[in-house]
Amino acid sequence: MINLSKRSASKELLDEPGIPFEDIRLNMKELNTINSLLGGHSITIDGIKKLLANIPGSQPVSICEIGCGGGDNLQAIETYCKKNNIQAVFIGIDIKKECIDFARQQYPSLPATWIVSDYLQAAFRNQKPDIIFSSLFCHHFTEPELVDMLNWMKTNSKTGFFINDLERNRFAYYSIKLLTRFFSKSYLVKNDAPVSVTRGFTKKEWQLLFQLAGINQYELNWKWAFRHLAVYKHE
């Protein structure tokens, strides 16, 4: 039985260079399905709701996702905003050009600015976005890198930021390994989905990361299926 007492240092295949576009395309599509079926998008919407309450309704809300992948989270947020008469514009940042290319193809009508860049090097031309968030992004990084990320999200957001990411859990590991073995056609998903769980976080680990970043006022909640939602609001 796998030992999940500590975060794994294993890298996901998607983090490697030179992956064919069609393989990334299939990976993005299947991840969107997984996010939809296992409640990932609904957790993202929960994070948006918590921060929207602190934004006046007179101007369009600017929402930025770092590590945006194929843009599915931003599309889910736009659908929510339209249903609730909320004006919103979006920024999607990803270091992989293939992911941004896929996002542009997949959601041509989404009012989004797409940026191919390391998020740390991304420059906001006019002003900071109201909300910055990440979903299934943090587990790709080391603890020191995550402390820097928390501070970057705090510094570059006007209203606040939130994080939606995986809990490191044995049941989650074996469940996703089994599900992807039988239902996935993507070798990236079959390999990376279980690996991503081994790189997930416990509640205590999140608390330590926020402490190391010097961020004391935040909200941290466990969400089904085996995720944490961390929300920070500027005072």
Protein backbone atom coordinates (compact mmCIF):
# COMPACT_ATOMS: atom_id res chain seq x y z
CA MET A 1 0.00 0.00 0.00
CA ILE A 2 1.33 3.42 -0.99
CA ASN A 3 2.89 5.60 1.70
CA LEU A 4 1.42 9.11 1.56
CA SER A 5 2.84 10.44 4.81
CA LYS A 6 4.90 12.95 2.81
CA ARG A 7 4.41 14.73 -0.51
CA SER A 8 5.92 12.92 -3.48
CA ALA A 9 8.67 14.58 -5.51
CA SER A 10 7.61 12.72 -8.68
CA LYS A 11 7.01 14.91 -11.71
CA GLU A 12 3.96 14.60 -13.92
CA LEU A 13 4.39 13.84 -17.61
CA LEU A 14 2.55 17.06 -18.49
CA ASP A 15 5.39 19.01 -16.88
CA GLU A 16 7.83 17.62 -19.45
CA PRO A 17 8.61 19.46 -22.71
CA GLY A 18 7.85 18.16 -26.20
CA ILE A 19 4.44 16.55 -25.62
CA PRO A 20 2.43 16.44 -28.90
CA PHE A 21 -0.45 18.90 -29.10
CA GLU A 22 -3.06 16.20 -29.74
CA ASP A 23 -1.98 14.38 -26.57
CA ILE A 24 -2.34 17.59 -24.56
CA ARG A 25 -5.70 18.24 -26.22
CA LEU A 26 -7.07 14.83 -25.12
CA ASN A 27 -5.61 15.36 -21.64
CA MET A 28 -7.35 18.74 -21.30
CA LYS A 29 -10.69 17.34 -22.43
CA GLU A 30 -10.57 14.45 -19.96
CA LEU A 31 -9.49 16.72 -17.10
CA ASN A 32 -12.51 18.91 -17.78
CA THR A 33 -14.75 15.84 -17.57
CA ILE A 34 -13.13 14.77 -14.29
CA ASN A 35 -13.48 18.30 -12.88
CA SER A 36 -17.14 18.40 -13.84
CA LEU A 37 -18.05 14.95 -12.49
CA LEU A 38 -16.06 15.15 -9.24
CA GLY A 39 -17.09 18.68 -8.30
CA GLY A 40 -13.89 20.53 -9.17
CA HIS A 41 -15.67 23.30 -11.05
CA SER A 42 -18.23 23.75 -8.28
CA ILE A 43 -15.39 24.28 -5.78
CA THR A 44 -13.95 26.95 -8.06
CA ILE A 45 -17.35 28.64 -8.19
CA ASP A 46 -17.48 28.55 -4.38
CA GLY A 47 -14.17 30.42 -4.30
CA ILE A 48 -15.47 33.00 -6.77
CA LYS A 49 -18.63 33.54 -4.70
CA LYS A 50 -16.66 34.19 -1.52
CA LEU A 51 -14.63 36.94 -3.20
CA LEU A 52 -17.38 38.47 -5.33
CA ALA A 53 -19.15 39.49 -2.13
CA ASN A 54 -16.34 42.03 -1.57
CA ILE A 55 -16.49 43.62 -5.04
CA PRO A 56 -18.87 46.51 -5.95
CA GLY A 57 -21.17 45.65 -8.83
CA SER A 58 -20.62 48.77 -10.93
CA GLN A 59 -17.58 47.58 -12.90
CA PRO A 60 -16.78 44.30 -14.68
CA VAL A 61 -14.94 41.89 -12.40
CA SER A 62 -11.48 40.88 -13.63
CA ILE A 63 -10.59 37.28 -12.85
CA CYS A 64 -7.16 35.76 -13.50
CA GLU A 65 -6.24 32.08 -13.41
CA ILE A 66 -2.60 31.03 -13.19
CA GLY A 67 -1.86 27.63 -14.67
CA CYS A 68 -5.10 27.90 -16.64
CA GLY A 69 -4.52 24.84 -18.84
CA GLY A 70 -7.26 24.55 -21.43
CA GLY A 71 -9.41 27.33 -19.96
CA ASP A 72 -12.20 25.12 -18.62
CA ASN A 73 -12.29 26.79 -15.21
CA LEU A 74 -12.64 30.24 -16.74
CA GLN A 75 -15.43 28.99 -18.99
CA ALA A 76 -17.24 27.53 -15.97
CA ILE A 77 -16.91 30.86 -14.15
CA GLU A 78 -18.23 32.80 -17.15
CA THR A 79 -21.27 30.50 -17.30
CA TYR A 80 -21.94 31.21 -13.62
CA CYS A 81 -21.46 34.97 -14.09
CA LYS A 82 -23.84 35.10 -17.05
CA LYS A 83 -26.53 33.24 -15.12
CA ASN A 84 -26.21 35.73 -12.27
CA ASN A 85 -25.91 38.92 -14.38
CA ILE A 86 -22.31 39.52 -13.31
CA GLN A 87 -20.06 41.29 -15.80
CA ALA A 88 -16.64 39.66 -15.91
CA VAL A 89 -13.46 39.65 -17.97
CA PHE A 90 -10.77 37.02 -17.72
CA ILE A 91 -7.03 36.46 -17.91
CA GLY A 92 -5.61 32.98 -18.43
CA ILE A 93 -1.89 32.41 -17.84
CA ASP A 94 -0.06 29.19 -18.65
CA ILE A 95 3.57 28.45 -19.37
CA LYS A 96 2.65 25.90 -22.06
CA LYS A 97 1.81 27.42 -25.43
CA GLU A 98 -0.04 24.22 -26.36
CA CYS A 99 -2.48 24.72 -23.46
CA ILE A 100 -3.14 28.34 -24.42
CA ASP A 101 -3.61 27.34 -28.07
CA PHE A 102 -6.16 24.75 -26.97
CA ALA A 103 -7.97 27.27 -24.76
CA ARG A 104 -8.24 29.74 -27.64
CA GLN A 105 -9.62 27.02 -29.93
CA GLN A 106 -11.99 25.63 -27.32
CA TYR A 107 -13.48 28.93 -26.11
CA PRO A 108 -13.17 31.55 -28.89
CA SER A 109 -16.04 33.67 -27.51
CA LEU A 110 -14.74 33.81 -23.94
CA PRO A 111 -13.83 37.44 -23.08
CA ALA A 112 -10.31 36.49 -22.08
CA THR A 113 -6.75 37.65 -22.52
CA TRP A 114 -4.55 34.58 -22.92
CA ILE A 115 -0.91 34.83 -21.84
CA VAL A 116 1.85 32.29 -22.50
CA SER A 117 4.22 32.85 -19.61
CA ASP A 118 5.55 31.70 -16.30
CA TYR A 119 3.02 33.36 -13.98
CA LEU A 120 5.87 35.07 -12.07
CA GLN A 121 6.90 36.86 -15.26
CA ALA A 122 3.39 37.89 -16.31
CA ALA A 123 2.78 41.63 -16.36
CA PHE A 124 -0.68 43.15 -15.96
CA ARG A 125 -0.79 46.05 -18.42
CA ASN A 126 -3.44 48.31 -16.94
CA GLN A 127 -4.22 47.22 -13.41
CA LYS A 128 -4.21 44.25 -11.09
CA PRO A 129 -7.06 41.73 -11.48
CA ASP A 130 -9.72 41.72 -8.78
CA ILE A 131 -9.39 37.98 -8.23
CA ILE A 132 -6.50 35.59 -8.85
CA PHE A 133 -6.94 31.86 -8.47
CA SER A 134 -5.45 28.49 -9.27
CA SER A 135 -7.02 25.07 -9.61
CA LEU A 136 -4.98 21.86 -9.61
CA PHE A 137 -1.87 23.95 -10.08
CA CYS A 138 -0.16 24.21 -6.70
CA HIS A 139 0.68 20.52 -6.42
CA HIS A 140 3.17 20.92 -9.28
CA PHE A 141 5.43 23.04 -7.04
CA THR A 142 7.80 22.65 -4.10
CA GLU A 143 7.06 24.16 -0.71
CA PRO A 144 9.44 27.14 -1.12
CA GLU A 145 7.94 27.84 -4.56
CA LEU A 146 4.45 27.75 -3.05
CA VAL A 147 5.36 30.30 -0.39
CA ASP A 148 6.46 32.62 -3.21
CA MET A 149 3.23 31.86 -5.09
CA LEU A 150 1.04 32.76 -2.13
CA ASN A 151 2.82 36.08 -1.76
CA TRP A 152 2.61 36.76 -5.50
CA MET A 153 -1.14 36.09 -5.54
CA LYS A 154 -1.61 38.36 -2.52
CA THR A 155 0.49 41.17 -4.01
CA ASN A 156 -1.07 41.05 -7.49
CA SER A 157 -4.77 40.74 -6.59
CA LYS A 158 -7.01 43.68 -5.68
CA THR A 159 -9.71 41.78 -3.78
CA GLY A 160 -8.07 38.46 -2.96
CA PHE A 161 -7.19 35.02 -4.18
CA PHE A 162 -8.23 31.42 -3.79
CA ILE A 163 -6.73 27.99 -4.36
CA ASN A 164 -8.54 24.79 -5.28
CA ASP A 165 -6.26 21.78 -5.00
CA LEU A 166 -6.00 18.13 -4.06
CA GLU A 167 -5.87 16.49 -0.68
CA ARG A 168 -3.21 13.78 -0.41
CA ASN A 169 -5.37 10.83 0.49
CA ARG A 170 -4.99 7.07 0.00
CA PHE A 171 -8.62 6.50 -0.96
CA ALA A 172 -8.43 9.30 -3.52
CA TYR A 173 -5.22 7.83 -4.94
CA TYR A 174 -6.57 4.33 -5.51
CA SER A 175 -9.96 5.60 -6.70
CA ILE A 176 -8.55 7.86 -9.42
CA LYS A 177 -6.03 5.20 -10.42
CA LEU A 178 -8.88 2.72 -10.92
CA LEU A 179 -11.20 5.17 -12.68
CA THR A 180 -8.59 6.37 -15.14
CA ARG A 181 -7.39 2.84 -15.88
CA PHE A 182 -10.83 1.82 -17.14
CA PHE A 183 -12.30 5.07 -18.49
CA SER A 184 -9.40 7.22 -19.68
CA LYS A 185 -7.96 7.12 -23.19
CA SER A 186 -5.16 9.55 -22.32
CA TYR A 187 -1.81 8.17 -21.20
CA LEU A 188 -1.16 11.56 -19.60
CA VAL A 189 -4.29 11.35 -17.45
CA LYS A 190 -3.63 7.70 -16.52
CA ASN A 191 -0.14 8.57 -15.33
CA ASP A 192 -0.60 12.08 -13.96
CA ALA A 193 -3.91 11.81 -12.10
CA PRO A 194 -2.60 9.39 -9.44
CA VAL A 195 0.76 11.19 -9.29
CA SER A 196 -1.02 14.49 -8.67
CA VAL A 197 -2.74 13.01 -5.60
CA THR A 198 0.65 11.96 -4.19
CA ARG A 199 1.73 15.58 -4.56
CA GLY A 200 -1.39 16.98 -2.86
CA PHE A 201 -1.63 18.56 0.59
CA THR A 202 -2.92 17.90 4.07
CA LYS A 203 -4.67 20.65 6.01
CA LYS A 204 -1.65 21.05 8.30
CA GLU A 205 0.62 21.50 5.30
CA TRP A 206 -1.55 24.31 3.94
CA GLN A 207 -1.58 25.96 7.35
CA LEU A 208 2.21 25.83 7.48
CA LEU A 209 2.55 27.26 3.95
CA PHE A 210 0.32 30.22 4.79
CA GLN A 211 2.26 30.74 8.02
CA LEU A 212 5.58 30.76 6.14
CA ALA A 213 4.10 33.27 3.68
CA GLY A 214 3.13 35.54 6.56
CA ILE A 215 -0.57 35.30 5.71
CA ASN A 216 -2.63 34.88 8.86
CA GLN A 217 -6.19 35.76 7.83
CA TYR A 218 -7.52 33.17 5.40
CA GLU A 219 -10.22 30.55 5.11
CA LEU A 220 -9.39 26.88 4.56
CA ASN A 221 -12.07 24.24 3.97
CA TRP A 222 -12.10 20.59 2.93
CA LYS A 223 -14.28 19.90 -0.10
CA TRP A 224 -15.59 16.79 -1.82
CA ALA A 225 -14.01 15.02 -3.59
CA PHE A 226 -10.78 15.21 -1.61
CA ARG A 227 -9.81 18.81 -2.16
CA HIS A 228 -9.09 21.93 -0.15
CA LEU A 229 -10.38 25.42 -0.89
CA ALA A 230 -8.20 28.19 0.52
CA VAL A 231 -9.48 31.79 0.27
CA TYR A 232 -7.68 35.01 1.14
CA LYS A 233 -9.42 38.41 1.18
CA HIS A 234 -7.64 41.74 1.40
CA GLU A 235 -8.84 43.78 4.34
